[in-house]
């Protein structure tokens, strides 16, 4: 029976059904979610909210003032520079319509929803292949060539995890402004390396729109909260394109509590760095090529001659471990798989399963 490949990570029910395996027995390394789950205060806040009947019988805040204030405190900007929506795709779509984008320069490989959202918005796509031999680095001169009015970048990148320093991206943004080009910058994973974020530079660079997420770092994919940061004028235009009440009251209150938990943030950063370093080292010992990630996942390439789809299936069938198969990433060479950074014990299980599968 042919296996339908999932479009995204975290699709355990689909995979379990395809392989005839109970979904609770699968160990998911395909979704890049904090293995700690949400901060403990989030659970208490949700229980408290549900004890108040008005939470469900009253509309959410129309302007999301409380949530935007919490986000502003978290990233150190003004609430007027922030727009919120139910996930990144909604924000990207709103920004494309607000700025009447006609053509987008898209470095690839990249998050597959970029292309899908651009196509749905009838935006012409001008792809630019990134070179694995040069570490998937952005080439400023190459990306500026053409007649596009927007360039869509990610820092750190997805699926590679490659991080560019903020000076490089700022110089890129300045050069783009000289050509009348807007820079869309996806910082979905920058919480793991916040010193690289450009959210504090949006007023000085009005051609910059930064997208952030509360989902991955704070372990809350079931509560869809994303936000865009830009100049006050641009945010006002984007906000006009977002449907009212796009964030539920429960999601808003949970996100505000999570953003304020400094102990959780510090512990997440420390544990992720330790675990990622260990995982990098162990994967390299297995003769796997590992890209230098600054996020909470690692992209690695199997040895020549090993089919990544067959390997991916064997990991599920023989070890009940789900990796992210990367065949659907445009312009990414064959042989790549991606693994999230999980708990110490789970990471050990992954390495043991990889070793056994590579040797058999």
Protein backbone atom coordinates (compact mmCIF):
# COMPACT_ATOMS: atom_id res chain seq x y z
CA UNK A 1 0.00 0.00 0.00
CA UNK A 2 1.31 3.44 -0.96
CA UNK A 3 2.06 5.70 2.01
CA UNK A 4 0.73 9.25 1.78
CA UNK A 5 3.55 11.50 2.93
CA UNK A 6 2.57 14.25 5.41
CA UNK A 7 3.01 17.85 4.28
CA UNK A 8 4.17 18.96 7.73
CA UNK A 9 5.74 17.56 10.86
CA UNK A 10 3.63 16.41 13.78
CA UNK A 11 1.08 14.48 11.70
CA UNK A 12 1.10 11.43 13.96
CA UNK A 13 -2.50 10.37 13.41
CA UNK A 14 -2.03 10.26 9.66
CA UNK A 15 1.23 8.33 9.98
CA UNK A 16 -0.15 5.93 12.59
CA UNK A 17 -3.10 5.11 10.35
CA UNK A 18 -0.89 4.60 7.30
CA UNK A 19 1.48 2.24 9.13
CA UNK A 20 -1.10 0.51 11.32
CA UNK A 21 0.64 1.67 14.51
CA UNK A 22 -1.11 3.20 17.55
CA UNK A 23 -0.32 6.91 17.49
CA UNK A 24 0.50 6.91 21.23
CA UNK A 25 3.39 4.52 20.53
CA UNK A 26 5.08 6.88 18.07
CA UNK A 27 7.94 9.11 19.18
CA UNK A 28 7.70 12.34 17.22
CA UNK A 29 10.90 14.02 16.07
CA UNK A 30 9.18 15.60 13.06
CA UNK A 31 7.65 18.63 14.81
CA UNK A 32 9.92 21.30 16.26
CA UNK A 33 8.06 21.88 19.50
CA UNK A 34 9.57 22.47 22.94
CA UNK A 35 9.57 18.98 24.55
CA UNK A 36 8.83 20.53 27.96
CA UNK A 37 5.37 21.56 26.79
CA UNK A 38 3.91 24.93 27.81
CA UNK A 39 4.99 26.70 31.01
CA UNK A 40 3.16 25.30 34.03
CA UNK A 41 1.44 28.65 34.55
CA UNK A 42 -0.36 28.22 31.23
CA UNK A 43 -2.31 25.24 32.55
CA UNK A 44 -3.31 27.14 35.68
CA UNK A 45 -4.39 30.14 33.61
CA UNK A 46 -6.51 28.01 31.31
CA UNK A 47 -8.22 26.28 34.25
CA UNK A 48 -8.86 29.66 35.85
CA UNK A 49 -10.30 31.01 32.60
CA UNK A 50 -12.66 28.07 32.16
CA UNK A 51 -14.01 28.61 35.66
CA UNK A 52 -15.25 32.00 34.48
CA UNK A 53 -18.32 31.56 32.22
CA UNK A 54 -17.81 34.98 30.65
CA UNK A 55 -14.62 33.76 28.97
CA UNK A 56 -16.71 31.64 26.62
CA UNK A 57 -19.81 33.84 26.45
CA UNK A 58 -17.99 37.12 25.71
CA UNK A 59 -16.18 38.04 22.51
CA UNK A 60 -12.37 38.29 22.66
CA UNK A 61 -10.78 41.74 22.77
CA UNK A 62 -11.29 43.26 19.34
CA UNK A 63 -7.89 44.99 19.28
CA UNK A 64 -6.12 42.25 21.27
CA UNK A 65 -4.72 44.96 23.56
CA UNK A 66 -3.70 42.62 26.40
CA UNK A 67 -1.93 40.19 24.10
CA UNK A 68 -0.13 42.92 22.17
CA UNK A 69 1.01 44.50 25.43
CA UNK A 70 2.43 41.14 26.55
CA UNK A 71 4.20 40.65 23.23
CA UNK A 72 5.57 44.20 23.34
CA UNK A 73 7.01 43.61 26.81
CA UNK A 74 8.54 40.32 25.66
CA UNK A 75 10.37 41.72 22.61
CA UNK A 76 10.92 45.28 23.83
CA UNK A 77 8.89 47.35 21.36
CA UNK A 78 5.64 49.31 21.35
CA UNK A 79 2.26 47.55 21.03
CA UNK A 80 1.47 49.77 18.03
CA UNK A 81 4.22 47.95 16.12
CA UNK A 82 2.49 44.57 16.51
CA UNK A 83 -0.29 42.78 14.66
CA UNK A 84 -1.52 39.37 15.83
CA UNK A 85 -3.31 36.56 14.03
CA UNK A 86 -4.16 32.88 14.15
CA UNK A 87 -0.86 31.52 12.83
CA UNK A 88 1.91 32.69 10.52
CA UNK A 89 0.09 31.93 7.26
CA UNK A 90 -2.74 34.32 8.14
CA UNK A 91 -0.23 37.09 8.83
CA UNK A 92 1.77 36.47 5.66
CA UNK A 93 -1.40 36.51 3.58
CA UNK A 94 -2.51 39.76 5.25
CA UNK A 95 0.88 41.38 4.61
CA UNK A 96 0.86 40.35 0.95
CA UNK A 97 -2.57 41.92 0.45
CA UNK A 98 -1.83 45.00 2.54
CA UNK A 99 1.29 45.84 0.51
CA UNK A 100 -0.17 44.73 -2.85
CA UNK A 101 2.79 42.43 -3.47
CA UNK A 102 3.17 41.40 -7.11
CA UNK A 103 6.43 39.43 -7.20
CA UNK A 104 8.42 37.76 -4.42
CA UNK A 105 12.02 36.60 -4.41
CA UNK A 106 12.00 33.31 -2.49
CA UNK A 107 15.25 31.64 -1.41
CA UNK A 108 14.83 27.85 -1.35
CA UNK A 109 14.81 25.41 0.39
CA UNK A 110 12.26 27.04 2.66
CA UNK A 111 9.13 26.39 4.69
CA UNK A 112 6.67 24.95 2.17
CA UNK A 113 3.81 27.21 3.27
CA UNK A 114 5.67 30.21 1.83
CA UNK A 115 5.09 29.06 -1.74
CA UNK A 116 1.54 27.88 -1.07
CA UNK A 117 0.57 31.21 0.51
CA UNK A 118 2.23 33.22 -2.25
CA UNK A 119 0.46 31.19 -4.92
CA UNK A 120 -2.92 31.56 -3.18
CA UNK A 121 -2.37 35.32 -3.15
CA UNK A 122 -1.56 35.28 -6.90
CA UNK A 123 1.97 36.53 -6.23
CA UNK A 124 4.56 35.70 -8.87
CA UNK A 125 7.38 33.65 -7.30
CA UNK A 126 11.00 34.17 -8.26
CA UNK A 127 12.89 31.29 -6.57
CA UNK A 128 16.56 31.52 -5.69
CA UNK A 129 18.30 28.24 -4.93
CA UNK A 130 20.64 28.27 -1.91
CA UNK A 131 23.91 26.39 -2.29
CA UNK A 132 24.49 23.54 0.20
CA UNK A 133 28.22 23.75 -0.51
CA UNK A 134 28.29 27.31 0.84
CA UNK A 135 26.23 26.40 3.90
CA UNK A 136 22.89 27.64 2.51
CA UNK A 137 24.06 31.23 3.05
CA UNK A 138 22.07 34.16 1.66
CA UNK A 139 23.85 35.92 -1.21
CA UNK A 140 22.81 39.58 -0.97
CA UNK A 141 23.78 40.56 -4.52
CA UNK A 142 22.08 37.51 -6.03
CA UNK A 143 18.86 37.92 -4.06
CA UNK A 144 18.54 41.61 -4.96
CA UNK A 145 18.69 40.90 -8.68
CA UNK A 146 15.35 41.05 -10.48
CA UNK A 147 12.13 43.04 -10.54
CA UNK A 148 10.52 41.67 -7.35
CA UNK A 149 9.00 43.99 -4.74
CA UNK A 150 9.40 41.61 -1.76
CA UNK A 151 12.10 39.21 -0.57
CA UNK A 152 11.04 36.54 1.92
CA UNK A 153 13.81 35.39 4.26
CA UNK A 154 13.96 33.26 7.40
CA UNK A 155 16.43 33.59 10.26
CA UNK A 156 17.13 30.94 11.45
CA UNK A 157 16.21 29.17 8.25
CA UNK A 158 13.80 26.27 7.98
CA UNK A 159 14.66 23.44 7.32
CA UNK A 160 18.41 24.06 7.76
CA UNK A 161 18.50 25.96 11.06
CA UNK A 162 21.24 28.19 9.59
CA UNK A 163 21.53 31.55 11.36
CA UNK A 164 22.74 34.79 9.78
CA UNK A 165 24.02 37.49 12.12
CA UNK A 166 21.78 40.54 12.52
CA UNK A 167 24.31 42.88 10.88
CA UNK A 168 24.10 40.85 7.68
CA UNK A 169 20.30 40.92 7.59
CA UNK A 170 20.23 44.63 8.46
CA UNK A 171 22.65 45.42 5.64
CA UNK A 172 20.51 43.30 3.34
CA UNK A 173 17.43 45.29 4.44
CA UNK A 174 19.17 48.62 3.85
CA UNK A 175 20.27 47.57 0.37
CA UNK A 176 16.77 46.34 -0.42
CA UNK A 177 15.27 49.68 0.62
CA UNK A 178 17.51 51.47 -1.87
CA UNK A 179 15.79 49.41 -4.59
CA UNK A 180 12.28 49.86 -3.24
CA UNK A 181 12.12 46.25 -2.02
CA UNK A 182 10.34 45.16 1.16
CA UNK A 183 11.94 42.44 3.30
CA UNK A 184 9.67 39.87 4.93
CA UNK A 185 11.66 38.15 7.68
CA UNK A 186 10.36 34.98 9.33
CA UNK A 187 11.81 34.68 12.84
CA UNK A 188 9.73 31.68 13.94
CA UNK A 189 12.76 30.12 15.68
CA UNK A 190 14.68 33.24 16.73
CA UNK A 191 13.62 32.84 20.38
CA UNK A 192 16.51 30.34 20.57
CA UNK A 193 18.95 33.06 19.49
CA UNK A 194 17.16 36.31 20.32
CA UNK A 195 20.29 38.43 19.86
CA UNK A 196 19.81 37.99 16.10
CA UNK A 197 16.25 39.36 16.03
CA UNK A 198 15.44 42.51 14.08
CA UNK A 199 12.18 43.40 15.85
CA UNK A 200 13.84 46.42 17.46
CA UNK A 201 14.85 47.83 14.09
CA UNK A 202 11.50 48.08 12.32
CA UNK A 203 10.94 51.83 12.80
CA UNK A 204 14.42 52.61 11.45
CA UNK A 205 13.76 50.30 8.49
CA UNK A 206 10.17 50.83 7.30
CA UNK A 207 10.67 48.30 4.49
CA UNK A 208 11.03 45.50 7.09
CA UNK A 209 8.23 43.20 8.29
CA UNK A 210 9.20 40.60 10.91
CA UNK A 211 7.06 37.53 11.65
CA UNK A 212 7.26 35.74 15.00
CA UNK A 213 5.46 32.84 16.67
CA UNK A 214 4.50 31.78 20.19
CA UNK A 215 3.86 28.19 19.09
CA UNK A 216 7.20 26.44 18.94
CA UNK A 217 9.37 27.90 21.68
CA UNK A 218 6.56 27.80 24.25
CA UNK A 219 5.27 24.36 23.23
CA UNK A 220 1.70 25.42 22.38
CA UNK A 221 0.92 24.39 18.78
CA UNK A 222 -2.71 23.79 19.72
CA UNK A 223 -3.13 27.49 20.55
CA UNK A 224 -2.42 29.35 17.35
CA UNK A 225 -0.73 32.67 18.16
CA UNK A 226 1.59 34.49 15.76
CA UNK A 227 2.52 38.13 15.38
CA UNK A 228 4.03 40.55 12.89
CA UNK A 229 6.27 43.47 13.81
CA UNK A 230 6.82 46.48 11.56
CA UNK A 231 6.51 50.25 11.41
CA UNK A 232 3.31 51.69 12.85
CA UNK A 233 2.00 52.58 9.38
CA UNK A 234 2.69 49.16 7.92
CA UNK A 235 1.17 47.36 10.90
CA UNK A 236 -1.99 49.43 10.57
CA UNK A 237 -2.30 48.36 6.93
CA UNK A 238 -1.68 44.71 7.79
CA UNK A 239 -4.19 44.82 10.65
CA UNK A 240 -6.89 46.00 8.24
CA UNK A 241 -6.50 42.73 6.31
CA UNK A 242 -6.90 40.45 9.36
CA UNK A 243 -10.35 39.18 10.27
CA UNK A 244 -11.65 40.43 13.63
CA UNK A 245 -11.36 38.19 16.70
CA UNK A 246 -8.71 36.02 15.06
CA UNK A 247 -7.20 35.04 18.45
CA UNK A 248 -9.41 33.32 21.03
CA UNK A 249 -9.53 34.59 24.61
CA UNK A 250 -8.06 31.32 25.85
CA UNK A 251 -5.13 31.51 23.44
CA UNK A 252 -4.51 35.15 24.28
CA UNK A 253 -4.44 34.59 28.04
CA UNK A 254 -2.25 31.49 27.73
CA UNK A 255 0.24 33.28 25.50
CA UNK A 256 0.50 36.25 27.86
CA UNK A 257 1.33 33.97 30.80
CA UNK A 258 3.90 32.03 28.78
CA UNK A 259 5.68 35.15 27.54
CA UNK A 260 6.16 36.40 31.10
CA UNK A 261 7.73 33.19 32.45
CA UNK A 262 11.42 34.13 32.51
CA UNK A 263 12.52 30.97 34.35
CA UNK A 264 10.93 28.80 31.67
CA UNK A 265 12.63 30.84 28.95
CA UNK A 266 16.09 30.55 30.54
CA UNK A 267 15.73 26.83 31.18
CA UNK A 268 14.52 26.20 27.63
CA UNK A 269 17.53 28.01 26.16
CA UNK A 270 20.00 26.17 28.39
CA UNK A 271 18.54 22.71 27.83
CA UNK A 272 18.13 23.14 24.09
CA UNK A 273 21.74 24.22 23.64
CA UNK A 274 23.04 21.27 25.71
CA UNK A 275 20.85 18.73 23.95
CA UNK A 276 21.46 20.08 20.48
CA UNK A 277 25.23 20.04 20.98
CA UNK A 278 25.07 16.45 22.20
CA UNK A 279 22.83 15.40 19.32
CA UNK A 280 25.09 17.10 16.75
CA UNK A 281 28.10 15.25 18.13
CA UNK A 282 26.38 11.86 18.17
CA UNK A 283 25.01 12.22 14.65
CA UNK A 284 28.42 13.14 13.33
CA UNK A 285 29.86 10.04 15.02
CA UNK A 286 27.45 8.06 12.83
CA UNK A 287 29.06 9.65 9.75
CA UNK A 288 26.02 11.82 9.09
CA UNK A 289 26.49 15.31 7.68
CA UNK A 290 24.82 17.75 10.11
CA UNK A 291 24.02 21.37 9.28
CA UNK A 292 24.99 23.85 12.04
CA UNK A 293 21.55 24.71 13.42
CA UNK A 294 20.73 27.59 15.77
CA UNK A 295 17.16 26.41 16.33
CA UNK A 296 15.60 23.45 18.16
CA UNK A 297 16.14 20.95 15.36
CA UNK A 298 18.95 19.49 13.27
CA UNK A 299 19.01 18.80 9.55
CA UNK A 300 21.23 15.88 8.59
CA UNK A 301 22.12 14.04 5.39
CA UNK A 302 22.32 10.28 5.07
CA UNK A 303 25.38 8.64 3.54
CA UNK A 304 25.40 8.34 -0.25
CA UNK A 305 23.37 5.43 -1.58
CA UNK A 306 20.78 5.37 1.23
CA UNK A 307 17.29 6.33 0.10
CA UNK A 308 15.85 8.76 2.65
CA UNK A 309 12.24 7.72 2.09
CA UNK A 310 13.02 4.04 2.72
CA UNK A 311 15.09 5.02 5.77
CA UNK A 312 12.26 7.20 7.09
CA UNK A 313 9.79 4.34 6.74
CA UNK A 314 12.12 1.87 8.47
CA UNK A 315 12.54 4.21 11.43
CA UNK A 316 8.76 4.19 11.86
CA UNK A 317 8.22 0.48 11.28
CA UNK A 318 11.18 -0.80 13.28
CA UNK A 319 11.58 1.84 15.99
CA UNK A 320 8.32 3.82 16.01
CA UNK A 321 10.31 7.02 15.55
CA UNK A 322 9.01 9.71 13.19
CA UNK A 323 11.56 11.97 11.52
CA UNK A 324 10.78 14.82 9.15
CA UNK A 325 11.17 13.59 5.59
CA UNK A 326 12.49 16.55 3.61
CA UNK A 327 11.70 15.56 0.05
CA UNK A 328 9.05 18.26 -0.27
CA UNK A 329 11.52 21.08 0.43
CA UNK A 330 12.17 22.76 -2.90
CA UNK A 331 15.80 22.72 -4.08
CA UNK A 332 17.01 20.62 -1.14
CA UNK A 333 19.21 17.76 -2.43
CA UNK A 334 18.20 14.16 -1.80
CA UNK A 335 19.16 12.35 1.36
CA UNK A 336 18.13 14.88 4.01
CA UNK A 337 16.08 14.24 7.14
CA UNK A 338 15.31 16.57 10.03
CA UNK A 339 15.02 15.78 13.73
CA UNK A 340 13.67 17.94 16.52
CA UNK A 341 15.67 18.30 19.73
CA UNK A 342 13.73 16.44 22.41
CA UNK A 343 14.45 15.24 25.96
CA UNK A 344 17.74 13.54 26.87
CA UNK A 345 16.21 10.06 27.02
CA UNK A 346 14.34 10.53 23.75
CA UNK A 347 17.43 11.85 22.00
CA UNK A 348 19.33 8.74 23.15
CA UNK A 349 16.58 6.55 21.69
CA UNK A 350 16.87 8.41 18.40
CA UNK A 351 20.63 7.94 18.17
CA UNK A 352 20.38 4.24 19.01
CA UNK A 353 17.66 3.72 16.40
CA UNK A 354 19.64 5.60 13.76
CA UNK A 355 22.73 3.52 14.47
CA UNK A 356 20.82 0.24 14.23
CA UNK A 357 19.07 1.26 11.01
CA UNK A 358 22.28 2.48 9.38
CA UNK A 359 24.08 -0.77 10.23
CA UNK A 360 21.37 -3.17 9.07
